């Protein structure tokens, strides 16, 4: 999570202003010289337009340096209105768009900039990055082919070209790129290992590659690079999973004390559905290296998935201590403490964590939803309702929030029309969810629409593999209201025999053969 530092206007600020002025002056002069070199491509500008362009460009650079990307973008757009061929502004605006997840818009700008200055390394590298983000790896290859042609002695571009071929699955071309590297730098051990990708064309790692991975003297980073070529491609979950897993296992066994090697193995275990084994690996990694937040986060997700509530409470507390500005550990702390009925502790975590969320509305909605659940357990219904409303305002189609909120309203016999609306929407979003069907049926029951209620609760029973005590009791209640009292008694008894959580009136209903609430 990024923390913005406030610039304090004190005496030292003078130096900041001087530095900013120098940067602006330099960037302005550089762009003007750059523009003169391409005068044939630029449209003719009047002296007045040149001054306006220069002023707007300097203003844009100033706002960029000051950390105001929106204002910077507005000024770069002004430059392009004056001079549509000002490629430096296209580049800076594309960088802003890229950070704002507007990769396609950024690509359009960089296409134009590269037409003006095709050999500009920074332009080529930016568009390559944008193509990677949008999974256009065939175009990434073309970019690095151009860079290799323009700058044949730049080894990094040859490596990038080879890796781009690997991602596309064009392994023979990748080997060709590695061969070219060896003509430039001589025979290289790491390159030799990379060339083993040829064997991947046959669908499995060869014997030599396995031997290479089992050799502790060979570089770990090189081995990891080969492994990453597996699961950066879309087909990772298909046949290649088995082979990547085999290499990752060898890697972990060969480098037992390396956190990165263990993390990759753990990730592949998790992706392969071996969640319990992945849990053990990630637990080991966090003992080896406590500085990697991403590993801690994965561990918490796995603990939550495996319902290791006690462990999750301890882990989330440790992660909060190590990374106090990360919001997600507070959410996990709230989940796990709520499950242990430590509602006050859960609320403290949720309220603190919600204040740390920046630029992630869906995560914030999760905090509000959890706060709604927790406040409800504490019988603080007004705060619970407010939290749910905040969550729904952010994400009006969160079926679980709609369901929970409507169910709790029905239990309190308040705002039932609102509950009906939300419960119906939840079922529209997830038509075959037994819990949602039961909620909608129960809301209808509370509204006195017993025939419709019975239909919906029956649907829930048909969809539920293991009927809950609450669901069985609800169906008995609906039958009772339809004057099917013998059948109602049968379902009430089934609810009791189920042994699960039911209403406080269940025994009384069975004893007196009468509905109570």
Protein backbone atom coordinates (compact mmCIF):
# COMPACT_ATOMS: atom_id res chain seq x y z
CA UNK A 1 0.00 0.00 0.00
CA UNK A 2 1.35 3.38 -0.96
CA UNK A 3 1.58 6.10 1.66
CA UNK A 4 1.58 9.66 0.35
CA UNK A 5 4.05 11.90 2.16
CA UNK A 6 2.89 15.46 2.71
CA UNK A 7 5.31 18.08 1.43
CA UNK A 8 5.95 20.49 4.30
CA UNK A 9 6.47 24.08 3.21
CA UNK A 10 9.40 24.99 5.41
CA UNK A 11 12.78 26.52 4.68
CA UNK A 12 14.06 23.29 3.17
CA UNK A 13 11.29 23.55 0.58
CA UNK A 14 13.37 26.16 -1.21
CA UNK A 15 15.74 23.43 -2.32
CA UNK A 16 12.80 21.38 -3.60
CA UNK A 17 11.58 24.33 -5.68
CA UNK A 18 15.03 24.89 -7.13
CA UNK A 19 15.32 21.21 -8.00
CA UNK A 20 11.86 21.23 -9.60
CA UNK A 21 12.73 24.28 -11.68
CA UNK A 22 15.94 22.66 -12.92
CA UNK A 23 14.09 19.46 -13.82
CA UNK A 24 11.44 21.41 -15.70
CA UNK A 25 14.03 23.50 -17.51
CA UNK A 26 15.96 20.40 -18.49
CA UNK A 27 12.87 18.48 -19.65
CA UNK A 28 11.61 21.48 -21.59
CA UNK A 29 14.91 22.07 -23.39
CA UNK A 30 15.31 18.36 -24.11
CA UNK A 31 11.89 18.14 -25.70
CA UNK A 32 12.50 21.22 -27.84
CA UNK A 33 15.79 19.83 -29.17
CA UNK A 34 14.03 16.52 -29.75
CA UNK A 35 11.29 18.31 -31.67
CA UNK A 36 13.76 20.16 -33.89
CA UNK A 37 15.36 16.88 -34.96
CA UNK A 38 11.99 15.71 -36.30
CA UNK A 39 10.84 18.94 -37.92
CA UNK A 40 9.82 17.18 -41.10
CA UNK A 41 7.32 15.05 -39.18
CA UNK A 42 5.96 17.89 -37.08
CA UNK A 43 3.26 20.19 -38.40
CA UNK A 44 4.30 23.80 -38.86
CA UNK A 45 3.69 25.78 -35.68
CA UNK A 46 3.54 29.51 -35.20
CA UNK A 47 5.86 31.16 -32.70
CA UNK A 48 2.86 31.68 -30.43
CA UNK A 49 1.93 27.97 -30.60
CA UNK A 50 5.51 26.97 -29.88
CA UNK A 51 5.45 29.12 -26.74
CA UNK A 52 2.07 27.65 -25.70
CA UNK A 53 3.34 24.13 -26.30
CA UNK A 54 6.49 24.74 -24.28
CA UNK A 55 4.51 26.30 -21.42
CA UNK A 56 1.96 23.46 -21.31
CA UNK A 57 4.71 20.84 -21.45
CA UNK A 58 6.60 22.46 -18.58
CA UNK A 59 3.37 22.68 -16.56
CA UNK A 60 2.72 19.00 -17.26
CA UNK A 61 6.22 18.01 -16.13
CA UNK A 62 5.85 20.12 -13.01
CA UNK A 63 2.60 18.40 -12.02
CA UNK A 64 4.15 14.99 -12.77
CA UNK A 65 7.14 15.74 -10.55
CA UNK A 66 4.84 17.01 -7.80
CA UNK A 67 2.88 13.76 -7.90
CA UNK A 68 -0.31 15.11 -9.51
CA UNK A 69 -0.89 12.68 -12.41
CA UNK A 70 -4.40 13.91 -13.28
CA UNK A 71 -3.25 17.51 -13.64
CA UNK A 72 -0.17 16.36 -15.53
CA UNK A 73 -2.36 14.38 -17.93
CA UNK A 74 -4.56 17.41 -18.60
CA UNK A 75 -1.51 19.47 -19.51
CA UNK A 76 -0.01 16.77 -21.75
CA UNK A 77 -3.35 16.68 -23.57
CA UNK A 78 -3.10 20.46 -24.05
CA UNK A 79 0.32 19.98 -25.62
CA UNK A 80 -1.11 17.42 -28.04
CA UNK A 81 -3.98 19.75 -28.95
CA UNK A 82 -1.39 22.34 -29.95
CA UNK A 83 1.05 19.87 -31.51
CA UNK A 84 -0.50 16.44 -32.28
CA UNK A 85 2.98 15.06 -33.11
CA UNK A 86 4.62 15.86 -29.77
CA UNK A 87 5.80 12.33 -29.02
CA UNK A 88 7.35 13.18 -25.63
CA UNK A 89 3.87 14.13 -24.38
CA UNK A 90 2.43 10.95 -25.87
CA UNK A 91 5.00 8.96 -23.89
CA UNK A 92 4.34 10.70 -20.58
CA UNK A 93 0.56 10.55 -21.03
CA UNK A 94 0.81 6.84 -21.91
CA UNK A 95 2.76 6.21 -18.70
CA UNK A 96 -0.05 7.88 -16.72
CA UNK A 97 -2.69 5.85 -18.56
CA UNK A 98 -0.72 2.67 -17.87
CA UNK A 99 -0.72 3.35 -14.13
CA UNK A 100 -4.48 4.03 -14.32
CA UNK A 101 -5.13 0.61 -15.91
CA UNK A 102 -5.91 2.22 -19.27
CA UNK A 103 -3.45 0.07 -21.18
CA UNK A 104 -5.34 0.14 -24.49
CA UNK A 105 -5.43 3.95 -24.53
CA UNK A 106 -1.74 4.00 -23.66
CA UNK A 107 -0.95 1.63 -26.54
CA UNK A 108 -2.69 3.91 -29.04
CA UNK A 109 -0.54 6.82 -27.89
CA UNK A 110 2.68 4.80 -28.03
CA UNK A 111 1.89 3.54 -31.53
CA UNK A 112 1.83 7.16 -32.67
CA UNK A 113 4.98 8.06 -30.73
CA UNK A 114 6.92 5.14 -32.22
CA UNK A 115 5.86 6.10 -35.73
CA UNK A 116 7.52 9.45 -35.07
CA UNK A 117 10.63 8.06 -33.34
CA UNK A 118 10.90 4.29 -33.98
CA UNK A 119 14.37 3.87 -32.47
CA UNK A 120 13.52 5.46 -29.13
CA UNK A 121 14.35 2.77 -26.57
CA UNK A 122 12.03 4.15 -23.88
CA UNK A 123 9.08 4.19 -26.27
CA UNK A 124 9.73 0.60 -27.31
CA UNK A 125 10.15 -0.65 -23.74
CA UNK A 126 6.95 1.07 -22.58
CA UNK A 127 4.83 -0.39 -25.37
CA UNK A 128 6.36 -3.82 -24.71
CA UNK A 129 5.27 -3.56 -21.08
CA UNK A 130 1.77 -2.49 -22.15
CA UNK A 131 1.53 -5.43 -24.56
CA UNK A 132 2.54 -7.78 -21.72
CA UNK A 133 -0.20 -6.39 -19.50
CA UNK A 134 -2.78 -6.97 -22.24
CA UNK A 135 -1.42 -10.47 -23.00
CA UNK A 136 -0.43 -9.49 -26.57
CA UNK A 137 2.79 -11.48 -26.49
CA UNK A 138 3.05 -11.75 -30.28
CA UNK A 139 3.44 -7.98 -30.35
CA UNK A 140 5.95 -8.11 -27.49
CA UNK A 141 8.08 -10.33 -29.74
CA UNK A 142 7.91 -7.77 -32.55
CA UNK A 143 9.05 -5.00 -30.21
CA UNK A 144 12.13 -6.90 -29.07
CA UNK A 145 12.90 -8.02 -32.62
CA UNK A 146 13.04 -4.35 -33.53
CA UNK A 147 15.22 -3.50 -30.53
CA UNK A 148 17.62 -6.35 -31.36
CA UNK A 149 17.83 -5.04 -34.91
CA UNK A 150 18.41 -1.43 -33.81
CA UNK A 151 20.80 -2.31 -30.97
CA UNK A 152 22.34 -5.73 -31.76
CA UNK A 153 25.01 -5.47 -29.05
CA UNK A 154 22.49 -4.92 -26.24
CA UNK A 155 22.33 -8.38 -24.63
CA UNK A 156 19.26 -7.63 -22.48
CA UNK A 157 17.08 -7.24 -25.57
CA UNK A 158 18.15 -10.67 -26.84
CA UNK A 159 17.17 -12.19 -23.49
CA UNK A 160 13.82 -10.38 -23.58
CA UNK A 161 13.22 -11.66 -27.11
CA UNK A 162 13.98 -15.24 -26.05
CA UNK A 163 11.64 -15.05 -23.06
CA UNK A 164 8.90 -13.57 -25.25
CA UNK A 165 9.20 -16.52 -27.62
CA UNK A 166 8.96 -18.90 -24.64
CA UNK A 167 5.73 -17.30 -23.47
CA UNK A 168 4.30 -17.76 -26.99
CA UNK A 169 5.41 -21.39 -26.99
CA UNK A 170 7.81 -20.82 -29.92
CA UNK A 171 10.66 -22.70 -28.33
CA UNK A 172 12.84 -23.21 -31.41
CA UNK A 173 12.88 -19.47 -32.02
CA UNK A 174 13.76 -18.96 -28.36
CA UNK A 175 16.75 -21.26 -28.79
CA UNK A 176 17.74 -19.23 -31.84
CA UNK A 177 17.72 -16.10 -29.69
CA UNK A 178 19.87 -17.84 -27.06
CA UNK A 179 22.27 -18.99 -29.78
CA UNK A 180 22.64 -15.37 -30.85
CA UNK A 181 23.47 -14.43 -27.25
CA UNK A 182 26.22 -17.04 -27.19
CA UNK A 183 27.72 -15.64 -30.38
CA UNK A 184 27.99 -12.32 -28.56
CA UNK A 185 29.20 -13.44 -25.11
CA UNK A 186 30.48 -16.96 -25.68
CA UNK A 187 29.21 -20.21 -24.19
CA UNK A 188 27.31 -19.48 -20.99
CA UNK A 189 26.12 -21.99 -18.40
CA UNK A 190 22.83 -20.22 -17.71
CA UNK A 191 22.09 -19.83 -21.41
CA UNK A 192 22.83 -23.52 -21.91
CA UNK A 193 20.19 -24.39 -19.31
CA UNK A 194 17.71 -22.06 -20.97
CA UNK A 195 18.28 -23.78 -24.30
CA UNK A 196 16.92 -26.94 -22.73
CA UNK A 197 13.52 -25.45 -23.50
CA UNK A 198 13.81 -27.23 -26.81
CA UNK A 199 12.77 -30.39 -25.02
CA UNK A 200 9.59 -28.70 -23.83
CA UNK A 201 8.40 -28.88 -27.45
CA UNK A 202 7.99 -32.59 -26.83
CA UNK A 203 5.64 -31.86 -23.92
CA UNK A 204 7.92 -32.81 -21.04
CA UNK A 205 11.26 -31.83 -19.54
CA UNK A 206 14.12 -34.03 -20.70
CA UNK A 207 16.51 -35.97 -18.55
CA UNK A 208 19.24 -33.35 -18.86
CA UNK A 209 16.94 -30.58 -17.68
CA UNK A 210 15.97 -32.56 -14.59
CA UNK A 211 19.64 -33.19 -13.87
CA UNK A 212 20.31 -29.47 -14.25
CA UNK A 213 17.56 -28.60 -11.77
CA UNK A 214 18.93 -31.15 -9.31
CA UNK A 215 22.42 -29.61 -9.46
CA UNK A 216 22.79 -27.23 -6.47
CA UNK A 217 25.75 -25.52 -8.16
CA UNK A 218 23.61 -24.16 -10.99
CA UNK A 219 22.04 -20.75 -10.42
CA UNK A 220 18.67 -20.72 -8.69
CA UNK A 221 17.52 -17.61 -10.57
CA UNK A 222 18.07 -19.31 -13.92
CA UNK A 223 16.08 -22.33 -12.82
CA UNK A 224 13.29 -20.10 -11.54
CA UNK A 225 13.21 -18.24 -14.85
CA UNK A 226 12.60 -21.51 -16.66
CA UNK A 227 9.85 -22.46 -14.22
CA UNK A 228 8.14 -19.11 -14.58
CA UNK A 229 7.88 -19.72 -18.30
CA UNK A 230 5.34 -22.41 -17.42
CA UNK A 231 2.85 -20.47 -15.41
CA UNK A 232 2.95 -17.13 -17.15
CA UNK A 233 1.07 -18.71 -20.05
CA UNK A 234 -2.64 -19.47 -20.25
CA UNK A 235 -2.14 -23.20 -20.72
CA UNK A 236 -0.54 -23.56 -17.27
CA UNK A 237 -3.52 -25.40 -15.84
CA UNK A 238 -3.48 -28.00 -18.61
CA UNK A 239 -0.83 -30.56 -19.49
CA UNK A 240 2.13 -28.40 -18.52
CA UNK A 241 1.10 -28.31 -14.90
CA UNK A 242 2.44 -31.82 -14.31
CA UNK A 243 5.85 -31.01 -15.77
CA UNK A 244 6.17 -27.67 -14.02
CA UNK A 245 5.29 -29.39 -10.77
CA UNK A 246 7.95 -32.02 -11.33
CA UNK A 247 10.64 -29.38 -11.86
CA UNK A 248 9.40 -27.27 -8.94
CA UNK A 249 9.60 -30.27 -6.65
CA UNK A 250 13.20 -30.93 -7.72
CA UNK A 251 13.94 -27.24 -7.21
CA UNK A 252 12.55 -27.29 -3.67
CA UNK A 253 14.44 -30.46 -2.79
CA UNK A 254 17.70 -29.10 -4.22
CA UNK A 255 17.37 -25.72 -2.47
CA UNK A 256 15.62 -26.61 0.82
CA UNK A 257 16.71 -23.41 2.57
CA UNK A 258 15.75 -20.99 -0.18
CA UNK A 259 12.45 -19.19 0.46
CA UNK A 260 11.90 -18.38 -3.21
CA UNK A 261 12.29 -22.00 -4.33
CA UNK A 262 9.93 -23.18 -1.59
CA UNK A 263 7.38 -20.47 -2.46
CA UNK A 264 7.22 -21.56 -6.10
CA UNK A 265 6.72 -25.17 -5.05
CA UNK A 266 4.02 -24.13 -2.59
CA UNK A 267 2.27 -22.09 -5.26
CA UNK A 268 2.21 -25.03 -7.66
CA UNK A 269 0.94 -27.33 -4.91
CA UNK A 270 -1.89 -24.90 -4.23
CA UNK A 271 -2.75 -24.45 -7.89
CA UNK A 272 -2.78 -28.22 -8.25
CA UNK A 273 -5.33 -28.59 -5.48
CA UNK A 274 -2.92 -29.93 -2.85
CA UNK A 275 -3.95 -27.23 -0.42
CA UNK A 276 -2.91 -28.95 2.81
CA UNK A 277 0.58 -29.64 1.43
CA UNK A 278 0.82 -26.07 0.17
CA UNK A 279 -0.07 -24.86 3.65
CA UNK A 280 2.88 -26.74 5.15
CA UNK A 281 5.25 -25.28 2.57
CA UNK A 282 4.12 -21.68 3.03
CA UNK A 283 4.28 -22.09 6.80
CA UNK A 284 7.89 -23.16 6.38
CA UNK A 285 8.62 -20.20 4.09
CA UNK A 286 7.32 -17.68 6.62
CA UNK A 287 9.62 -19.19 9.22
CA UNK A 288 12.57 -18.80 6.83
CA UNK A 289 11.78 -15.27 5.66
CA UNK A 290 9.31 -12.98 7.38
CA UNK A 291 9.87 -10.04 5.02
CA UNK A 292 7.78 -11.21 2.06
CA UNK A 293 4.22 -9.93 2.52
CA UNK A 294 2.93 -11.83 -0.51
CA UNK A 295 3.80 -15.16 1.08
CA UNK A 296 2.05 -14.19 4.32
CA UNK A 297 -1.04 -13.22 2.33
CA UNK A 298 -1.09 -16.56 0.53
CA UNK A 299 -0.72 -18.34 3.87
CA UNK A 300 -3.72 -16.48 5.31
CA UNK A 301 -5.86 -17.31 2.27
CA UNK A 302 -4.99 -20.99 2.65
CA UNK A 303 -5.67 -20.98 6.40
CA UNK A 304 -9.06 -19.42 5.73
CA UNK A 305 -9.80 -21.96 3.00
CA UNK A 306 -8.86 -24.85 5.29
CA UNK A 307 -10.88 -23.36 8.18
CA UNK A 308 -7.79 -23.21 10.37
CA UNK A 309 -9.38 -20.50 12.48
CA UNK A 310 -7.03 -20.56 15.46
CA UNK A 311 -3.99 -20.50 13.19
CA UNK A 312 -5.47 -17.66 11.15
CA UNK A 313 -6.01 -15.58 14.28
CA UNK A 314 -2.34 -15.98 15.22
CA UNK A 315 -1.04 -15.44 11.69
CA UNK A 316 -3.12 -12.34 11.00
CA UNK A 317 -1.97 -10.84 14.32
CA UNK A 318 1.67 -11.47 13.39
CA UNK A 319 1.22 -10.03 9.89
CA UNK A 320 -0.46 -6.92 11.32
CA UNK A 321 2.57 -6.43 13.55
CA UNK A 322 4.98 -6.90 10.62
CA UNK A 323 2.96 -4.95 8.03
CA UNK A 324 0.66 -2.60 9.97
CA UNK A 325 -0.39 -0.60 6.89
CA UNK A 326 -1.65 -3.59 4.88
CA UNK A 327 -5.47 -3.81 5.17
CA UNK A 328 -6.05 -7.47 4.26
CA UNK A 329 -4.61 -8.99 7.48
CA UNK A 330 -7.14 -6.93 9.46
CA UNK A 331 -9.93 -8.43 7.36
CA UNK A 332 -8.68 -11.95 8.05
CA UNK A 333 -8.39 -11.07 11.73
CA UNK A 334 -12.00 -9.91 11.67
CA UNK A 335 -13.17 -13.11 9.91
CA UNK A 336 -11.36 -15.47 12.23
CA UNK A 337 -12.19 -13.70 15.49
CA UNK A 338 -15.87 -13.54 14.49
CA UNK A 339 -15.85 -17.29 13.91
CA UNK A 340 -14.56 -17.72 17.47
CA UNK A 341 -17.31 -15.36 18.68
CA UNK A 342 -14.72 -12.77 19.70
CA UNK A 343 -16.87 -10.05 18.19
CA UNK A 344 -15.37 -7.04 19.94
CA UNK A 345 -11.87 -8.05 18.86
CA UNK A 346 -13.15 -8.69 15.35
CA UNK A 347 -14.71 -5.24 15.16
CA UNK A 348 -11.53 -3.52 16.24
CA UNK A 349 -9.64 -5.23 13.44
CA UNK A 350 -12.33 -4.51 10.85
CA UNK A 351 -12.71 -0.86 11.77
CA UNK A 352 -8.95 -0.30 11.75
CA UNK A 353 -8.41 -2.17 8.49
CA UNK A 354 -11.24 -0.38 6.68
CA UNK A 355 -9.45 2.92 7.25
CA UNK A 356 -6.34 1.60 5.51
CA UNK A 357 -8.05 0.67 2.24
CA UNK A 358 -7.06 2.99 -0.60
CA UNK A 359 -8.22 2.61 -4.18
CA UNK A 360 -9.84 -0.80 -3.72
CA UNK A 361 -13.60 -0.43 -3.41
CA UNK A 362 -14.33 -4.16 -3.52
CA UNK A 363 -12.01 -4.78 -0.58
CA UNK A 364 -13.64 -1.91 1.29
CA UNK A 365 -17.05 -3.47 0.60
CA UNK A 366 -15.77 -6.70 2.14
CA UNK A 367 -14.84 -4.82 5.30
CA UNK A 368 -18.30 -3.21 5.49
CA UNK A 369 -20.00 -6.56 4.88
CA UNK A 370 -18.01 -8.22 7.66
CA UNK A 371 -18.74 -5.31 9.98
CA UNK A 372 -22.43 -5.76 9.19
CA UNK A 373 -22.24 -9.44 10.16
CA UNK A 374 -20.32 -8.70 13.34
CA UNK A 375 -22.49 -5.81 14.50
CA UNK A 376 -25.52 -8.05 13.96
CA UNK A 377 -24.04 -10.67 16.28
CA UNK A 378 -23.61 -7.95 18.91
CA UNK A 379 -27.26 -6.93 18.45
CA UNK A 380 -26.14 -3.47 17.32
CA UNK A 381 -28.66 -3.52 14.49
CA UNK A 382 -28.49 0.12 13.45
CA UNK A 383 -24.73 -0.08 12.92
CA UNK A 384 -25.16 -3.45 11.23
CA UNK A 385 -27.69 -2.04 8.77
CA UNK A 386 -25.50 0.99 8.06
CA UNK A 387 -22.52 -1.24 7.31
CA UNK A 388 -24.53 -3.43 4.94
CA UNK A 389 -25.89 -0.37 3.14
CA UNK A 390 -22.34 0.92 2.64
CA UNK A 391 -21.28 -2.44 1.23
CA UNK A 392 -24.26 -2.56 -1.15
CA UNK A 393 -23.65 1.01 -2.29
CA UNK A 394 -20.16 -0.03 -3.43
CA UNK A 395 -21.19 -3.39 -4.87
CA UNK A 396 -24.97 -3.65 -5.36
CA UNK A 397 -24.66 -7.14 -6.84
CA UNK A 398 -22.83 -8.88 -4.01
CA UNK A 399 -25.22 -11.80 -3.62
CA UNK A 400 -23.93 -12.84 -0.20
CA UNK A 401 -24.35 -9.38 1.29
CA UNK A 402 -27.84 -9.08 -0.19
CA UNK A 403 -28.76 -12.47 1.25
CA UNK A 404 -27.34 -11.92 4.73
CA UNK A 405 -28.77 -8.44 5.10
CA UNK A 406 -32.25 -9.49 3.97
CA UNK A 407 -32.22 -12.53 6.26
CA UNK A 408 -31.28 -10.50 9.32
CA UNK A 409 -34.01 -7.97 8.51
CA UNK A 410 -36.54 -10.80 8.28
CA UNK A 411 -35.49 -12.16 11.67
CA UNK A 412 -36.23 -8.74 13.17
CA UNK A 413 -39.47 -8.26 11.18
CA UNK A 414 -38.29 -4.86 9.92
CA UNK A 415 -38.08 -3.35 6.45
CA UNK A 416 -39.45 -6.54 4.92
CA UNK A 417 -40.12 -5.06 1.48
CA UNK A 418 -36.47 -4.04 1.27
CA UNK A 419 -35.56 -7.55 2.41
CA UNK A 420 -37.79 -9.06 -0.31
CA UNK A 421 -36.11 -6.92 -2.98
CA UNK A 422 -32.59 -7.87 -1.87
CA UNK A 423 -33.34 -11.57 -1.41
CA UNK A 424 -34.91 -11.78 -4.86
CA UNK A 425 -31.88 -10.08 -6.41
CA UNK A 426 -29.55 -12.53 -4.66
CA UNK A 427 -31.48 -15.42 -6.25
CA UNK A 428 -31.31 -13.77 -9.65
CA UNK A 429 -27.54 -13.57 -9.27
CA UNK A 430 -27.20 -17.18 -8.03
CA UNK A 431 -30.34 -19.09 -9.05
CA UNK A 432 -29.50 -22.49 -7.52
CA UNK A 433 -28.15 -21.42 -4.13
CA UNK A 434 -30.18 -23.24 -1.46
CA UNK A 435 -29.31 -20.75 1.27
CA UNK A 436 -30.50 -17.83 -0.87
CA UNK A 437 -33.71 -19.67 -1.77
CA UNK A 438 -34.40 -20.35 1.90
CA UNK A 439 -33.83 -16.68 2.76
CA UNK A 440 -36.24 -15.50 0.07
CA UNK A 441 -38.79 -18.07 1.19
CA UNK A 442 -38.42 -16.95 4.80
CA UNK A 443 -38.90 -13.29 3.86
CA UNK A 444 -42.09 -14.27 2.02
CA UNK A 445 -43.15 -16.23 5.10
CA UNK A 446 -42.68 -13.14 7.26
CA UNK A 447 -44.78 -11.17 4.76
CA UNK A 448 -47.58 -13.72 5.15
CA UNK A 449 -47.20 -15.13 1.63
CA UNK A 450 -47.14 -18.71 2.86
CA UNK A 451 -47.86 -20.55 -0.40
CA UNK A 452 -44.98 -18.82 -2.21
CA UNK A 453 -42.79 -19.24 0.85
CA UNK A 454 -43.40 -23.00 0.85
CA UNK A 455 -42.41 -23.24 -2.85
CA UNK A 456 -39.12 -21.39 -2.34
CA UNK A 457 -38.14 -23.28 0.81
CA UNK A 458 -38.96 -26.56 -0.97
CA UNK A 459 -36.60 -25.51 -3.77
CA UNK A 460 -33.94 -24.95 -1.15
CA UNK A 461 -34.51 -28.43 0.27
CA UNK A 462 -34.23 -29.94 -3.21
CA UNK A 463 -30.94 -28.10 -3.87
CA UNK A 464 -29.36 -28.70 -0.46
CA UNK A 465 -27.34 -31.92 -0.24
CA UNK A 466 -27.25 -31.92 3.56
CA UNK A 467 -30.37 -30.22 4.86
CA UNK A 468 -29.71 -27.89 7.78
CA UNK A 469 -31.84 -27.79 10.91
CA UNK A 470 -32.86 -24.20 10.13
CA UNK A 471 -34.00 -25.10 6.62
CA UNK A 472 -36.00 -28.10 7.83
CA UNK A 473 -37.63 -26.03 10.56
CA UNK A 474 -38.50 -23.25 8.11
CA UNK A 475 -40.19 -25.72 5.80
CA UNK A 476 -42.17 -27.13 8.70
CA UNK A 477 -43.26 -23.59 9.63
CA UNK A 478 -44.47 -22.93 6.07
CA UNK A 479 -46.39 -26.21 5.99
CA UNK A 480 -48.03 -25.39 9.32
CA UNK A 481 -49.26 -22.05 7.99
CA UNK A 482 -50.76 -23.91 5.02
CA UNK A 483 -52.65 -26.11 7.50
CA UNK A 484 -50.48 -29.15 6.76
CA UNK A 485 -49.83 -29.70 10.43
CA UNK A 486 -48.86 -33.38 10.38
CA UNK A 487 -46.25 -32.76 7.70
CA UNK A 488 -45.07 -29.71 9.62
CA UNK A 489 -44.54 -31.80 12.74
CA UNK A 490 -42.55 -34.32 10.69
CA UNK A 491 -40.13 -31.63 9.44
CA UNK A 492 -39.81 -30.08 12.89
CA UNK A 493 -38.81 -33.48 14.23
CA UNK A 494 -36.29 -33.89 11.38
CA UNK A 495 -34.85 -30.51 12.30
CA UNK A 496 -34.40 -31.64 15.90
CA UNK A 497 -32.87 -34.96 14.83
CA UNK A 498 -30.49 -33.06 12.58
CA UNK A 499 -28.73 -31.71 15.65
CA UNK A 500 -27.83 -28.43 14.03
CA UNK A 501 -28.65 -24.90 15.12
CA UNK A 502 -32.38 -24.18 15.10
CA UNK A 503 -34.76 -21.69 16.72
CA UNK A 504 -35.33 -21.55 20.45
CA UNK A 505 -38.97 -22.56 19.84
CA UNK A 506 -38.31 -25.88 18.09
CA UNK A 507 -38.84 -28.15 21.11
CA UNK A 508 -41.99 -26.24 22.05
CA UNK A 509 -43.35 -26.62 18.52
CA UNK A 510 -42.83 -30.36 18.63
CA UNK A 511 -44.24 -30.76 22.13
CA UNK A 512 -47.41 -28.73 21.53
CA UNK A 513 -47.70 -29.43 17.79
CA UNK A 514 -48.10 -25.73 17.26
CA UNK A 515 -46.19 -22.90 15.59
CA UNK A 516 -44.43 -20.36 17.84
CA UNK A 517 -42.20 -17.39 17.12
